[in-house]
Amino acid sequence: MIVRLIRVWVKQDSIAAFEAATKLNHVGSLNEPGVLRFDVLRKPDEPGVYLLYEVYASEQAAEEHKQTEHYQVWKEAVAQMMARARESETLAVVAPTQESGWRAVR
């Protein structure tokens, strides 16, 4: 299992459109068998600052996610909404070690 943290900075005039597009990507992602969690979080005191918290069963599942239609649609849709480039960090899992401890309720 791996965790990816994606930090996103969105232009102020694009917040509503970004959230709409990202919610669609969230739903599509949770339908992928290798996606255990896909949380979309926003900083309450900094409008336009988001964290995508993604947990995958494997590195292969993370790569397969990037090939899905819903991800490609999201990536294209939000490209011009970014105030700056996204930042991604990959983390190794220490606990929980069972998929059931991560899997989002569907």
PDB file of N, CA and C in Angstrom:
ATOM      1  N   MET A   1       0.835  -1.185   0.000  1.00  0.00           N
ATOM      2  CA  MET A   1       0.000   0.000   0.000  1.00  0.00           C
ATOM      3  C   MET A   1       0.876   1.243   0.000  1.00  0.00           C
ATOM      4  N   ILE A   2       0.393   2.269  -0.661  1.00  0.00           N
ATOM      5  CA  ILE A   2       1.078   3.553  -0.657  1.00  0.00           C
ATOM      6  C   ILE A   2       0.054   4.669  -0.475  1.00  0.00           C
ATOM      7  N   VAL A   3       0.539   5.768   0.058  1.00  0.00           N
ATOM      8  CA  VAL A   3      -0.290   6.959   0.237  1.00  0.00           C
ATOM      9  C   VAL A   3       0.325   8.073  -0.588  1.00  0.00           C
ATOM     10  N   ARG A   4      -0.516   8.789  -1.281  1.00  0.00           N
ATOM     11  CA  ARG A   4      -0.073   9.978  -2.007  1.00  0.00           C
ATOM     12  C   ARG A   4      -0.791  11.187  -1.432  1.00  0.00           C
ATOM     13  N   LEU A   5      -0.024  12.228  -1.149  1.00  0.00           N
ATOM     14  CA  LEU A   5      -0.570  13.514  -0.722  1.00  0.00           C
ATOM     15  C   LEU A   5      -0.327  14.484  -1.862  1.00  0.00           C
ATOM     16  N   ILE A   6      -1.395  15.044  -2.367  1.00  0.00           N
ATOM     17  CA  ILE A   6      -1.302  15.990  -3.479  1.00  0.00           C
ATOM     18  C   ILE A   6      -1.766  17.348  -2.965  1.00  0.00           C
ATOM     19  N   ARG A   7      -0.877  18.319  -2.970  1.00  0.00           N
ATOM     20  CA  ARG A   7      -1.231  19.677  -2.550  1.00  0.00           C
ATOM     21  C   ARG A   7      -1.572  20.480  -3.798  1.00  0.00           C
ATOM     22  N   VAL A   8      -2.708  21.187  -3.708  1.00  0.00           N
ATOM     23  CA  VAL A   8      -3.210  21.929  -4.860  1.00  0.00           C
ATOM     24  C   VAL A   8      -3.553  23.351  -4.426  1.00  0.00           C
ATOM     25  N   TRP A   9      -3.121  24.315  -5.225  1.00  0.00           N
ATOM     26  CA  TRP A   9      -3.457  25.713  -5.009  1.00  0.00           C
ATOM     27  C   TRP A   9      -4.303  26.165  -6.185  1.00  0.00           C
ATOM     28  N   VAL A  10      -5.506  26.625  -5.894  1.00  0.00           N
ATOM     29  CA  VAL A  10      -6.486  26.957  -6.929  1.00  0.00           C
ATOM     30  C   VAL A  10      -6.714  28.470  -6.953  1.00  0.00           C
ATOM     31  N   LYS A  11      -6.839  29.015  -8.155  1.00  0.00           N
ATOM     32  CA  LYS A  11      -7.161  30.437  -8.302  1.00  0.00           C
ATOM     33  C   LYS A  11      -8.510  30.717  -7.639  1.00  0.00           C
ATOM     34  N   GLN A  12      -8.617  31.872  -7.022  1.00  0.00           N
ATOM     35  CA  GLN A  12      -9.828  32.215  -6.275  1.00  0.00           C
ATOM     36  C   GLN A  12     -11.089  32.165  -7.130  1.00  0.00           C
ATOM     37  N   ASP A  13     -10.995  32.570  -8.370  1.00  0.00           N
ATOM     38  CA  ASP A  13     -12.186  32.574  -9.224  1.00  0.00           C
ATOM     39  C   ASP A  13     -12.517  31.194  -9.798  1.00  0.00           C
ATOM     40  N   SER A  14     -11.729  30.191  -9.452  1.00  0.00           N
ATOM     41  CA  SER A  14     -11.946  28.839  -9.974  1.00  0.00           C
ATOM     42  C   SER A  14     -12.327  27.835  -8.894  1.00  0.00           C
ATOM     43  N   ILE A  15     -12.503  28.284  -7.659  1.00  0.00           N
ATOM     44  CA  ILE A  15     -12.743  27.361  -6.548  1.00  0.00           C
ATOM     45  C   ILE A  15     -13.975  26.486  -6.779  1.00  0.00           C
ATOM     46  N   ALA A  16     -15.103  27.066  -7.135  1.00  0.00           N
ATOM     47  CA  ALA A  16     -16.335  26.279  -7.318  1.00  0.00           C
ATOM     48  C   ALA A  16     -16.172  25.262  -8.445  1.00  0.00           C
ATOM     49  N   ALA A  17     -15.597  25.675  -9.553  1.00  0.00           N
ATOM     50  CA  ALA A  17     -15.394  24.761 -10.684  1.00  0.00           C
ATOM     51  C   ALA A  17     -14.404  23.661 -10.320  1.00  0.00           C
ATOM     52  N   PHE A  18     -13.343  24.003  -9.591  1.00  0.00           N
ATOM     53  CA  PHE A  18     -12.369  23.001  -9.160  1.00  0.00           C
ATOM     54  C   PHE A  18     -13.042  21.960  -8.263  1.00  0.00           C
ATOM     55  N   GLU A  19     -13.823  22.419  -7.309  1.00  0.00           N
ATOM     56  CA  GLU A  19     -14.482  21.477  -6.400  1.00  0.00           C
ATOM     57  C   GLU A  19     -15.452  20.572  -7.157  1.00  0.00           C
ATOM     58  N   ALA A  20     -16.190  21.107  -8.101  1.00  0.00           N
ATOM     59  CA  ALA A  20     -17.124  20.292  -8.880  1.00  0.00           C
ATOM     60  C   ALA A  20     -16.374  19.218  -9.675  1.00  0.00           C
ATOM     61  N   ALA A  21     -15.313  19.605 -10.356  1.00  0.00           N
ATOM     62  CA  ALA A  21     -14.531  18.651 -11.149  1.00  0.00           C
ATOM     63  C   ALA A  21     -13.859  17.611 -10.257  1.00  0.00           C
ATOM     64  N   THR A  22     -13.387  18.048  -9.110  1.00  0.00           N
ATOM     65  CA  THR A  22     -12.669  17.150  -8.213  1.00  0.00           C
ATOM     66  C   THR A  22     -13.618  16.161  -7.543  1.00  0.00           C
ATOM     67  N   LYS A  23     -14.839  16.564  -7.276  1.00  0.00           N
ATOM     68  CA  LYS A  23     -15.828  15.628  -6.723  1.00  0.00           C
ATOM     69  C   LYS A  23     -16.127  14.513  -7.729  1.00  0.00           C
ATOM     70  N   LEU A  24     -16.197  14.841  -9.002  1.00  0.00           N
ATOM     71  CA  LEU A  24     -16.405  13.804 -10.023  1.00  0.00           C
ATOM     72  C   LEU A  24     -15.220  12.849 -10.068  1.00  0.00           C
ATOM     73  N   ASN A  25     -14.008  13.375  -9.967  1.00  0.00           N
ATOM     74  CA  ASN A  25     -12.810  12.536  -9.950  1.00  0.00           C
ATOM     75  C   ASN A  25     -12.811  11.653  -8.698  1.00  0.00           C
ATOM     76  N   HIS A  26     -13.241  12.196  -7.588  1.00  0.00           N
ATOM     77  CA  HIS A  26     -13.340  11.440  -6.329  1.00  0.00           C
ATOM     78  C   HIS A  26     -14.244  10.223  -6.504  1.00  0.00           C
ATOM     79  N   VAL A  27     -15.437  10.441  -7.049  1.00  0.00           N
ATOM     80  CA  VAL A  27     -16.399   9.349  -7.235  1.00  0.00           C
ATOM     81  C   VAL A  27     -15.821   8.286  -8.182  1.00  0.00           C
ATOM     82  N   GLY A  28     -15.265   8.722  -9.291  1.00  0.00           N
ATOM     83  CA  GLY A  28     -14.669   7.772 -10.233  1.00  0.00           C
ATOM     84  C   GLY A  28     -13.522   6.993  -9.617  1.00  0.00           C
ATOM     85  N   SER A  29     -12.710   7.673  -8.831  1.00  0.00           N
ATOM     86  CA  SER A  29     -11.555   7.028  -8.208  1.00  0.00           C
ATOM     87  C   SER A  29     -11.981   5.946  -7.233  1.00  0.00           C
ATOM     88  N   LEU A  30     -13.012   6.207  -6.459  1.00  0.00           N
ATOM     89  CA  LEU A  30     -13.470   5.214  -5.479  1.00  0.00           C
ATOM     90  C   LEU A  30     -14.055   3.972  -6.141  1.00  0.00           C
ATOM     91  N   ASN A  31     -14.364   4.054  -7.413  1.00  0.00           N
ATOM     92  CA  ASN A  31     -14.847   2.876  -8.148  1.00  0.00           C
ATOM     93  C   ASN A  31     -13.711   2.023  -8.707  1.00  0.00           C
ATOM     94  N   GLU A  32     -12.483   2.488  -8.587  1.00  0.00           N
ATOM     95  CA  GLU A  32     -11.338   1.702  -9.034  1.00  0.00           C
ATOM     96  C   GLU A  32     -11.000   0.656  -7.964  1.00  0.00           C
ATOM     97  N   PRO A  33     -10.762  -0.595  -8.354  1.00  0.00           N
ATOM     98  CA  PRO A  33     -10.494  -1.635  -7.354  1.00  0.00           C
ATOM     99  C   PRO A  33      -9.232  -1.398  -6.524  1.00  0.00           C
ATOM    100  N   GLY A  34      -8.243  -0.722  -7.073  1.00  0.00           N
ATOM    101  CA  GLY A  34      -6.995  -0.506  -6.358  1.00  0.00           C
ATOM    102  C   GLY A  34      -6.952   0.752  -5.506  1.00  0.00           C
ATOM    103  N   VAL A  35      -8.031   1.538  -5.531  1.00  0.00           N
ATOM    104  CA  VAL A  35      -8.098   2.756  -4.720  1.00  0.00           C
ATOM    105  C   VAL A  35      -8.793   2.422  -3.405  1.00  0.00           C
ATOM    106  N   LEU A  36      -8.069   2.618  -2.311  1.00  0.00           N
ATOM    107  CA  LEU A  36      -8.616   2.313  -0.998  1.00  0.00           C
ATOM    108  C   LEU A  36      -9.242   3.535  -0.344  1.00  0.00           C
ATOM    109  N   ARG A  37      -8.684   4.702  -0.587  1.00  0.00           N
ATOM    110  CA  ARG A  37      -9.240   5.976  -0.101  1.00  0.00           C
ATOM    111  C   ARG A  37      -8.924   7.035  -1.137  1.00  0.00           C
ATOM    112  N   PHE A  38      -9.797   8.038  -1.192  1.00  0.00           N
ATOM    113  CA  PHE A  38      -9.553   9.176  -2.065  1.00  0.00           C
ATOM    114  C   PHE A  38     -10.300  10.354  -1.455  1.00  0.00           C
ATOM    115  N   ASP A  39      -9.642  11.017  -0.535  1.00  0.00           N
ATOM    116  CA  ASP A  39     -10.259  12.110   0.214  1.00  0.00           C
ATOM    117  C   ASP A  39      -9.850  13.451  -0.374  1.00  0.00           C
ATOM    118  N   VAL A  40     -10.804  14.347  -0.448  1.00  0.00           N
ATOM    119  CA  VAL A  40     -10.563  15.699  -0.941  1.00  0.00           C
ATOM    120  C   VAL A  40     -10.770  16.640   0.242  1.00  0.00           C
ATOM    121  N   LEU A  41      -9.712  17.322   0.635  1.00  0.00           N
ATOM    122  CA  LEU A  41      -9.738  18.180   1.821  1.00  0.00           C
ATOM    123  C   LEU A  41      -9.378  19.601   1.440  1.00  0.00           C
ATOM    124  N   ARG A  42      -9.912  20.557   2.197  1.00  0.00           N
ATOM    125  CA  ARG A  42      -9.609  21.960   1.926  1.00  0.00           C
ATOM    126  C   ARG A  42      -9.219  22.631   3.237  1.00  0.00           C
ATOM    127  N   LYS A  43      -8.287  23.559   3.159  1.00  0.00           N
ATOM    128  CA  LYS A  43      -7.889  24.320   4.346  1.00  0.00           C
ATOM    129  C   LYS A  43      -8.961  25.370   4.629  1.00  0.00           C
ATOM    130  N   PRO A  44      -9.562  25.337   5.809  1.00  0.00           N
ATOM    131  CA  PRO A  44     -10.662  26.270   6.097  1.00  0.00           C
ATOM    132  C   PRO A  44     -10.218  27.723   6.200  1.00  0.00           C
ATOM    133  N   ASP A  45      -8.970  27.952   6.544  1.00  0.00           N
ATOM    134  CA  ASP A  45      -8.491  29.322   6.729  1.00  0.00           C
ATOM    135  C   ASP A  45      -7.697  29.849   5.529  1.00  0.00           C
ATOM    136  N   GLU A  46      -7.592  29.035   4.459  1.00  0.00           N
ATOM    137  CA  GLU A  46      -6.870  29.448   3.256  1.00  0.00           C
ATOM    138  C   GLU A  46      -7.675  29.031   2.025  1.00  0.00           C
ATOM    139  N   PRO A  47      -8.615  29.852   1.594  1.00  0.00           N
ATOM    140  CA  PRO A  47      -9.416  29.498   0.417  1.00  0.00           C
ATOM    141  C   PRO A  47      -8.527  29.189  -0.794  1.00  0.00           C
ATOM    142  N   GLY A  48      -8.855  28.086  -1.447  1.00  0.00           N
ATOM    143  CA  GLY A  48      -8.102  27.699  -2.640  1.00  0.00           C
ATOM    144  C   GLY A  48      -6.976  26.731  -2.380  1.00  0.00           C
ATOM    145  N   VAL A  49      -6.754  26.342  -1.121  1.00  0.00           N
ATOM    146  CA  VAL A  49      -5.685  25.397  -0.807  1.00  0.00           C
ATOM    147  C   VAL A  49      -6.318  24.054  -0.449  1.00  0.00           C
ATOM    148  N   TYR A  50      -5.916  23.008  -1.182  1.00  0.00           N
ATOM    149  CA  TYR A  50      -6.507  21.677  -1.047  1.00  0.00           C
ATOM    150  C   TYR A  50      -5.429  20.624  -0.827  1.00  0.00           C
ATOM    151  N   LEU A  51      -5.865  19.513  -0.239  1.00  0.00           N
ATOM    152  CA  LEU A  51      -5.031  18.335  -0.093  1.00  0.00           C
ATOM    153  C   LEU A  51      -5.846  17.147  -0.561  1.00  0.00           C
ATOM    154  N   LEU A  52      -5.321  16.419  -1.531  1.00  0.00           N
ATOM    155  CA  LEU A  52      -5.937  15.171  -1.966  1.00  0.00           C
ATOM    156  C   LEU A  52      -5.166  14.061  -1.263  1.00  0.00           C
ATOM    157  N   TYR A  53      -5.885  13.257  -0.491  1.00  0.00           N
ATOM    158  CA  TYR A  53      -5.301  12.186   0.305  1.00  0.00           C
ATOM    159  C   TYR A  53      -5.714  10.882  -0.358  1.00  0.00           C
ATOM    160  N   GLU A  54      -4.760  10.221  -1.001  1.00  0.00           N
ATOM    161  CA  GLU A  54      -5.062   9.059  -1.828  1.00  0.00           C
ATOM    162  C   GLU A  54      -4.314   7.844  -1.299  1.00  0.00           C
ATOM    163  N   VAL A  55      -5.030   6.733  -1.116  1.00  0.00           N
ATOM    164  CA  VAL A  55      -4.410   5.492  -0.660  1.00  0.00           C
ATOM    165  C   VAL A  55      -4.668   4.429  -1.720  1.00  0.00           C
ATOM    166  N   TYR A  56      -3.588   3.803  -2.168  1.00  0.00           N
ATOM    167  CA  TYR A  56      -3.662   2.793  -3.216  1.00  0.00           C
ATOM    168  C   TYR A  56      -3.177   1.446  -2.690  1.00  0.00           C
ATOM    169  N   ALA A  57      -3.735   0.377  -3.226  1.00  0.00           N
ATOM    170  CA  ALA A  57      -3.331  -0.971  -2.832  1.00  0.00           C
ATOM    171  C   ALA A  57      -1.886  -1.261  -3.237  1.00  0.00           C
ATOM    172  N   SER A  58      -1.420  -0.589  -4.301  1.00  0.00           N
ATOM    173  CA  SER A  58      -0.062  -0.829  -4.800  1.00  0.00           C
ATOM    174  C   SER A  58       0.375   0.347  -5.673  1.00  0.00           C
ATOM    175  N   GLU A  59       1.648   0.352  -5.995  1.00  0.00           N
ATOM    176  CA  GLU A  59       2.169   1.356  -6.925  1.00  0.00           C
ATOM    177  C   GLU A  59       1.502   1.184  -8.288  1.00  0.00           C
ATOM    178  N   GLN A  60       1.262  -0.053  -8.690  1.00  0.00           N
ATOM    179  CA  GLN A  60       0.584  -0.318  -9.961  1.00  0.00           C
ATOM    180  C   GLN A  60      -0.814   0.294  -9.966  1.00  0.00           C
ATOM    181  N   ALA A  61      -1.545   0.169  -8.859  1.00  0.00           N
ATOM    182  CA  ALA A  61      -2.888   0.760  -8.774  1.00  0.00           C
ATOM    183  C   ALA A  61      -2.821   2.278  -8.913  1.00  0.00           C
ATOM    184  N   ALA A  62      -1.796   2.891  -8.330  1.00  0.00           N
ATOM    185  CA  ALA A  62      -1.628   4.341  -8.435  1.00  0.00           C
ATOM    186  C   ALA A  62      -1.361   4.741  -9.887  1.00  0.00           C
ATOM    187  N   GLU A  63      -0.548   3.965 -10.578  1.00  0.00           N
ATOM    188  CA  GLU A  63      -0.261   4.255 -11.981  1.00  0.00           C
ATOM    189  C   GLU A  63      -1.494   4.011 -12.851  1.00  0.00           C
ATOM    190  N   GLU A  64      -2.246   2.964 -12.554  1.00  0.00           N
ATOM    191  CA  GLU A  64      -3.467   2.689 -13.314  1.00  0.00           C
ATOM    192  C   GLU A  64      -4.485   3.810 -13.135  1.00  0.00           C
ATOM    193  N   HIS A  65      -4.517   4.403 -11.949  1.00  0.00           N
ATOM    194  CA  HIS A  65      -5.419   5.530 -11.696  1.00  0.00           C
ATOM    195  C   HIS A  65      -5.160   6.659 -12.686  1.00  0.00           C
ATOM    196  N   LYS A  66      -3.908   6.920 -12.971  1.00  0.00           N
ATOM    197  CA  LYS A  66      -3.556   8.014 -13.872  1.00  0.00           C
ATOM    198  C   LYS A  66      -3.966   7.746 -15.319  1.00  0.00           C
ATOM    199  N   GLN A  67      -4.312   6.500 -15.638  1.00  0.00           N
ATOM    200  CA  GLN A  67      -4.721   6.135 -16.997  1.00  0.00           C
ATOM    201  C   GLN A  67      -6.239   6.157 -17.180  1.00  0.00           C
ATOM    202  N   THR A  68      -6.983   6.350 -16.092  1.00  0.00           N
ATOM    203  CA  THR A  68      -8.437   6.306 -16.193  1.00  0.00           C
ATOM    204  C   THR A  68      -8.980   7.539 -16.902  1.00  0.00           C
ATOM    205  N   GLU A  69     -10.141   7.360 -17.501  1.00  0.00           N
ATOM    206  CA  GLU A  69     -10.775   8.479 -18.210  1.00  0.00           C
ATOM    207  C   GLU A  69     -11.137   9.604 -17.244  1.00  0.00           C
ATOM    208  N   HIS A  70     -11.686   9.243 -16.083  1.00  0.00           N
ATOM    209  CA  HIS A  70     -12.114  10.297 -15.149  1.00  0.00           C
ATOM    210  C   HIS A  70     -10.930  11.118 -14.653  1.00  0.00           C
ATOM    211  N   TYR A  71      -9.767  10.498 -14.457  1.00  0.00           N
ATOM    212  CA  TYR A  71      -8.584  11.264 -14.048  1.00  0.00           C
ATOM    213  C   TYR A  71      -8.123  12.180 -15.184  1.00  0.00           C
ATOM    214  N   GLN A  72      -8.093  11.658 -16.410  1.00  0.00           N
ATOM    215  CA  GLN A  72      -7.660  12.466 -17.553  1.00  0.00           C
ATOM    216  C   GLN A  72      -8.582  13.668 -17.750  1.00  0.00           C
ATOM    217  N   VAL A  73      -9.888  13.459 -17.593  1.00  0.00           N
ATOM    218  CA  VAL A  73     -10.853  14.556 -17.711  1.00  0.00           C
ATOM    219  C   VAL A  73     -10.586  15.584 -16.623  1.00  0.00           C
ATOM    220  N   TRP A  74     -10.388  15.111 -15.381  1.00  0.00           N
ATOM    221  CA  TRP A  74     -10.112  16.023 -14.265  1.00  0.00           C
ATOM    222  C   TRP A  74      -8.833  16.816 -14.526  1.00  0.00           C
ATOM    223  N   LYS A  75      -7.776  16.132 -14.884  1.00  0.00           N
ATOM    224  CA  LYS A  75      -6.474  16.781 -15.093  1.00  0.00           C
ATOM    225  C   LYS A  75      -6.572  17.894 -16.132  1.00  0.00           C
ATOM    226  N   GLU A  76      -7.267  17.627 -17.217  1.00  0.00           N
ATOM    227  CA  GLU A  76      -7.431  18.641 -18.269  1.00  0.00           C
ATOM    228  C   GLU A  76      -8.320  19.783 -17.785  1.00  0.00           C
ATOM    229  N   ALA A  77      -9.401  19.430 -17.094  1.00  0.00           N
ATOM    230  CA  ALA A  77     -10.362  20.448 -16.648  1.00  0.00           C
ATOM    231  C   ALA A  77      -9.743  21.425 -15.658  1.00  0.00           C
ATOM    232  N   VAL A  78      -8.903  20.946 -14.759  1.00  0.00           N
ATOM    233  CA  VAL A  78      -8.387  21.809 -13.688  1.00  0.00           C
ATOM    234  C   VAL A  78      -7.048  22.466 -14.028  1.00  0.00           C
ATOM    235  N   ALA A  79      -6.451  22.114 -15.139  1.00  0.00           N
ATOM    236  CA  ALA A  79      -5.117  22.624 -15.469  1.00  0.00           C
ATOM    237  C   ALA A  79      -5.033  24.156 -15.413  1.00  0.00           C
ATOM    238  N   GLN A  80      -6.023  24.835 -15.958  1.00  0.00           N
ATOM    239  CA  GLN A  80      -5.994  26.296 -15.982  1.00  0.00           C
ATOM    240  C   GLN A  80      -6.498  26.924 -14.688  1.00  0.00           C
ATOM    241  N   MET A  81      -6.964  26.098 -13.766  1.00  0.00           N
ATOM    242  CA  MET A  81      -7.479  26.601 -12.484  1.00  0.00           C
ATOM    243  C   MET A  81      -6.395  26.736 -11.426  1.00  0.00           C
ATOM    244  N   MET A  82      -5.230  26.187 -11.712  1.00  0.00           N
ATOM    245  CA  MET A  82      -4.164  26.148 -10.715  1.00  0.00           C
ATOM    246  C   MET A  82      -3.489  27.510 -10.556  1.00  0.00           C
ATOM    247  N   ALA A  83      -3.322  27.914  -9.305  1.00  0.00           N
ATOM    248  CA  ALA A  83      -2.579  29.138  -9.011  1.00  0.00           C
ATOM    249  C   ALA A  83      -1.085  28.877  -9.064  1.00  0.00           C
ATOM    250  N   ARG A  84      -0.696  27.635  -8.853  1.00  0.00           N
ATOM    251  CA  ARG A  84       0.697  27.196  -8.976  1.00  0.00           C
ATOM    252  C   ARG A  84       0.697  25.692  -9.191  1.00  0.00           C
ATOM    253  N   ALA A  85       1.830  25.135  -9.510  1.00  0.00           N
ATOM    254  CA  ALA A  85       1.925  23.706  -9.820  1.00  0.00           C
ATOM    255  C   ALA A  85       1.575  22.848  -8.598  1.00  0.00           C
ATOM    256  N   ARG A  86       0.882  21.744  -8.864  1.00  0.00           N
ATOM    257  CA  ARG A  86       0.574  20.787  -7.797  1.00  0.00           C
ATOM    258  C   ARG A  86       1.864  20.197  -7.256  1.00  0.00           C
ATOM    259  N   GLU A  87       1.835  19.803  -5.998  1.00  0.00           N
ATOM    260  CA  GLU A  87       2.966  19.105  -5.382  1.00  0.00           C
ATOM    261  C   GLU A  87       2.480  17.758  -4.899  1.00  0.00           C
ATOM    262  N   SER A  88       3.280  16.722  -5.145  1.00  0.00           N
ATOM    263  CA  SER A  88       2.911  15.363  -4.772  1.00  0.00           C
ATOM    264  C   SER A  88       3.990  14.760  -3.884  1.00  0.00           C
ATOM    265  N   GLU A  89       3.535  14.015  -2.897  1.00  0.00           N
ATOM    266  CA  GLU A  89       4.441  13.324  -1.984  1.00  0.00           C
ATOM    267  C   GLU A  89       3.925  11.899  -1.831  1.00  0.00           C
ATOM    268  N   THR A  90       4.825  10.922  -1.903  1.00  0.00           N
ATOM    269  CA  THR A  90       4.466   9.524  -1.722  1.00  0.00           C
ATOM    270  C   THR A  90       5.011   9.045  -0.389  1.00  0.00           C
ATOM    271  N   LEU A  91       4.134   8.360   0.360  1.00  0.00           N
ATOM    272  CA  LEU A  91       4.494   7.866   1.688  1.00  0.00           C
ATOM    273  C   LEU A  91       4.293   6.363   1.758  1.00  0.00           C
ATOM    274  N   ALA A  92       5.164   5.690   2.506  1.00  0.00           N
ATOM    275  CA  ALA A  92       5.004   4.264   2.770  1.00  0.00           C
ATOM    276  C   ALA A  92       4.107   4.092   3.989  1.00  0.00           C
ATOM    277  N   VAL A  93       3.333   3.037   3.987  1.00  0.00           N
ATOM    278  CA  VAL A  93       2.395   2.771   5.071  1.00  0.00           C
ATOM    279  C   VAL A  93       3.073   1.993   6.195  1.00  0.00           C
ATOM    280  N   VAL A  94       2.895   2.474   7.411  1.00  0.00           N
ATOM    281  CA  VAL A  94       3.353   1.775   8.605  1.00  0.00           C
ATOM    282  C   VAL A  94       2.168   1.067   9.262  1.00  0.00           C
ATOM    283  N   ALA A  95       1.061   1.762   9.398  1.00  0.00           N
ATOM    284  CA  ALA A  95      -0.151   1.183   9.978  1.00  0.00           C
ATOM    285  C   ALA A  95      -1.339   2.016   9.518  1.00  0.00           C
ATOM    286  N   PRO A  96      -2.475   1.427   9.267  1.00  0.00           N
ATOM    287  CA  PRO A  96      -2.761  -0.008   9.355  1.00  0.00           C
ATOM    288  C   PRO A  96      -2.186  -0.755   8.159  1.00  0.00           C
ATOM    289  N   THR A  97      -1.908  -2.014   8.334  1.00  0.00           N
ATOM    290  CA  THR A  97      -1.292  -2.807   7.273  1.00  0.00           C
ATOM    291  C   THR A  97      -2.303  -3.639   6.490  1.00  0.00           C
ATOM    292  N   GLN A  98      -3.547  -3.681   6.952  1.00  0.00           N
ATOM    293  CA  GLN A  98      -4.599  -4.418   6.248  1.00  0.00           C
ATOM    294  C   GLN A  98      -5.431  -3.449   5.399  1.00  0.00           C
ATOM    295  N   GLU A  99      -5.790  -3.874   4.199  1.00  0.00           N
ATOM    296  CA  GLU A  99      -6.613  -3.026   3.336  1.00  0.00           C
ATOM    297  C   GLU A  99      -7.894  -2.588   4.013  1.00  0.00           C
ATOM    298  N   SER A 100      -8.477  -3.435   4.826  1.00  0.00           N
ATOM    299  CA  SER A 100      -9.747  -3.097   5.481  1.00  0.00           C
ATOM    300  C   SER A 100      -9.610  -1.875   6.386  1.00  0.00           C
ATOM    301  N   GLY A 101      -8.414  -1.593   6.850  1.00  0.00           N
ATOM    302  CA  GLY A 101      -8.183  -0.421   7.675  1.00  0.00           C
ATOM    303  C   GLY A 101      -8.146   0.876   6.892  1.00  0.00           C
ATOM    304  N   TRP A 102      -8.078   0.764   5.572  1.00  0.00           N
ATOM    305  CA  TRP A 102      -7.996   1.943   4.703  1.00  0.00           C
ATOM    306  C   TRP A 102      -9.207   2.120   3.815  1.00  0.00           C
ATOM    307  N   ARG A 103      -9.810   1.014   3.407  1.00  0.00           N
ATOM    308  CA  ARG A 103     -10.830   1.086   2.359  1.00  0.00           C
ATOM    309  C   ARG A 103     -11.985   1.993   2.742  1.00  0.00           C
ATOM    310  N   ALA A 104     -12.285   2.906   1.833  1.00  0.00           N
ATOM    311  CA  ALA A 104     -13.417   3.812   2.031  1.00  0.00           C
ATOM    312  C   ALA A 104     -14.711   3.027   1.880  1.00  0.00           C
ATOM    313  N   VAL A 105     -15.702   3.388   2.618  1.00  0.00           N
ATOM    314  CA  VAL A 105     -17.003   2.756   2.493  1.00  0.00           C
ATOM    315  C   VAL A 105     -17.613   3.196   1.177  1.00  0.00           C
ATOM    316  N   ARG A 106     -18.072   2.237   0.405  1.00  0.00           N
ATOM    317  CA  ARG A 106     -18.639   2.556  -0.917  1.00  0.00           C
ATOM    318  C   ARG A 106     -20.115   2.314  -0.922  1.00  0.00           C
TER     319      ARG A 106
END
